[in-house]
Amino acid sequence: MKFLLAASVLAVGLSGSVHAQAYGSGVDGQSVFRVSQTQIVSFVSASTASQKLASETRVIRLSCTQDCHFKRGATSGVTATVSDSLLFAGATEYFKVPATGPNYIGFIRDSADGRAFIDEMTP
């Protein structure tokens, strides 16, 4: 009986630590990333590109006020089209940003003008 109780306590303890890692928490329970800056890009019927992401950005968090399409690219002239990835209004998506880029994001509206929020996250 003592063995079964000890195994149950161990299983609960292990599942808690695995759960914390799955949500991106560090050893001390703090977030692994922090928001270093936020870009706000207004999008309309023509593609609009973001400013260059900071060189230390490793993850971006995207959200928007209206449905939009977006495309990541290596140059400031990146052009999004209605055939590119769709981001729904109110949704939040995370993307890894390799050190080599792409460093710009283009946006275009789906059916209504809106704003996109790019949170640049660093370790």
Protein backbone atom coordinates (compact mmCIF):
# COMPACT_ATOMS: atom_id res chain seq x y z
CA MET A 1 0.00 0.00 0.00
CA LYS A 2 2.87 2.41 0.81
CA PHE A 3 4.39 1.66 -2.60
CA LEU A 4 1.13 2.49 -4.41
CA LEU A 5 0.76 5.77 -2.51
CA ALA A 6 4.37 6.75 -3.25
CA ALA A 7 3.93 5.95 -6.95
CA SER A 8 0.76 8.08 -7.09
CA VAL A 9 2.51 11.07 -5.47
CA LEU A 10 5.46 10.69 -7.85
CA ALA A 11 3.14 10.55 -10.89
CA VAL A 12 1.32 13.72 -9.79
CA GLY A 13 4.62 15.50 -9.21
CA LEU A 14 5.98 14.50 -12.62
CA SER A 15 2.82 15.45 -14.47
CA GLY A 16 2.96 18.93 -12.93
CA SER A 17 6.52 19.56 -14.16
CA VAL A 18 5.76 18.25 -17.63
CA HIS A 19 2.65 20.47 -17.77
CA ALA A 20 4.71 23.56 -16.91
CA GLN A 21 7.22 22.81 -19.68
CA ALA A 22 4.44 22.30 -22.22
CA TYR A 23 3.27 25.89 -21.65
CA GLY A 24 6.73 27.41 -22.12
CA SER A 25 7.57 28.02 -18.48
CA GLY A 26 11.12 27.99 -17.25
CA VAL A 27 12.44 26.06 -14.28
CA ASP A 28 11.34 28.80 -11.86
CA GLY A 29 7.83 28.95 -13.38
CA GLN A 30 8.52 32.23 -15.18
CA SER A 31 7.88 32.72 -18.88
CA VAL A 32 10.78 31.81 -21.15
CA PHE A 33 10.03 34.80 -23.44
CA ARG A 34 9.12 38.44 -22.86
CA VAL A 35 7.51 40.97 -25.20
CA SER A 36 10.27 43.38 -26.24
CA GLN A 37 8.16 45.57 -28.50
CA THR A 38 4.83 45.68 -30.33
CA GLN A 39 4.24 46.79 -33.89
CA ILE A 40 0.77 47.83 -35.02
CA VAL A 41 0.14 47.54 -38.74
CA SER A 42 -3.06 48.92 -40.28
CA PHE A 43 -4.20 46.77 -43.19
CA VAL A 44 -6.49 47.68 -46.07
CA SER A 45 -7.29 46.32 -49.56
CA ALA A 46 -3.63 46.73 -50.60
CA SER A 47 -0.81 44.84 -48.88
CA THR A 48 0.95 46.66 -46.04
CA ALA A 49 4.27 45.44 -44.59
CA SER A 50 5.59 45.68 -41.06
CA GLN A 51 8.83 47.31 -40.04
CA LYS A 52 11.83 44.98 -39.76
CA LEU A 53 11.67 42.69 -36.72
CA ALA A 54 14.42 43.24 -34.16
CA SER A 55 17.45 40.99 -34.61
CA GLU A 56 16.97 39.45 -31.15
CA THR A 57 13.31 38.49 -31.80
CA ARG A 58 12.87 34.72 -31.69
CA VAL A 59 9.07 34.40 -31.45
CA ILE A 60 6.25 36.61 -32.69
CA ARG A 61 2.69 36.69 -31.46
CA LEU A 62 0.15 37.84 -34.07
CA SER A 63 -3.40 39.04 -33.46
CA CYS A 64 -5.76 41.29 -35.38
CA THR A 65 -9.01 43.26 -35.11
CA GLN A 66 -10.48 41.97 -38.43
CA ASP A 67 -9.86 38.85 -40.51
CA CYS A 68 -6.69 39.28 -42.56
CA HIS A 69 -4.15 37.37 -44.63
CA PHE A 70 -0.44 37.51 -43.86
CA LYS A 71 2.86 36.44 -45.33
CA ARG A 72 6.35 36.43 -43.83
CA GLY A 73 9.21 37.57 -46.02
CA ALA A 74 12.88 38.53 -46.04
CA THR A 75 12.47 41.97 -47.64
CA SER A 76 10.59 45.14 -46.71
CA GLY A 77 8.46 44.83 -49.84
CA VAL A 78 6.83 41.53 -48.81
CA THR A 79 3.36 41.44 -50.38
CA ALA A 80 0.49 39.50 -48.85
CA THR A 81 -2.40 38.30 -51.01
CA VAL A 82 -5.82 36.83 -50.23
CA SER A 83 -4.30 33.41 -51.03
CA ASP A 84 -1.86 33.64 -48.09
CA SER A 85 -2.41 32.40 -44.53
CA LEU A 86 -5.60 33.62 -42.86
CA LEU A 87 -5.67 35.05 -39.34
CA PHE A 88 -9.14 35.37 -37.86
CA ALA A 89 -10.14 38.46 -35.88
CA GLY A 90 -9.50 37.92 -32.19
CA ALA A 91 -7.30 34.87 -32.76
CA THR A 92 -3.70 34.73 -31.58
CA GLU A 93 -0.93 32.82 -33.34
CA TYR A 94 2.71 32.28 -32.36
CA PHE A 95 5.56 31.79 -34.83
CA LYS A 96 9.22 31.02 -34.35
CA VAL A 97 11.58 33.50 -36.02
CA PRO A 98 14.96 32.02 -36.96
CA ALA A 99 17.98 34.30 -36.53
CA THR A 100 18.30 34.42 -40.32
CA GLY A 101 14.73 35.67 -40.85
CA PRO A 102 12.25 36.16 -42.44
CA ASN A 103 12.15 39.58 -40.84
CA TYR A 104 9.05 41.28 -42.28
CA ILE A 105 5.33 40.49 -42.32
CA GLY A 106 2.87 41.65 -44.97
CA PHE A 107 -0.87 41.97 -44.27
CA ILE A 108 -3.96 42.45 -46.40
CA ARG A 109 -7.59 42.58 -45.31
CA ASP A 110 -9.98 39.73 -45.94
CA SER A 111 -13.20 41.79 -46.10
CA ALA A 112 -12.78 44.78 -43.76
CA ASP A 113 -9.94 47.13 -42.83
CA GLY A 114 -8.31 46.51 -39.48
CA ARG A 115 -5.13 46.46 -37.43
CA ALA A 116 -2.63 43.68 -36.82
CA PHE A 117 -0.53 43.49 -33.67
CA ILE A 118 2.92 41.93 -33.83
CA ASP A 119 4.39 41.27 -30.39
CA GLU A 120 8.11 40.62 -30.75
CA MET A 121 9.26 38.20 -28.08
CA THR A 122 12.82 37.66 -26.90
CA PRO A 123 14.37 35.20 -24.43
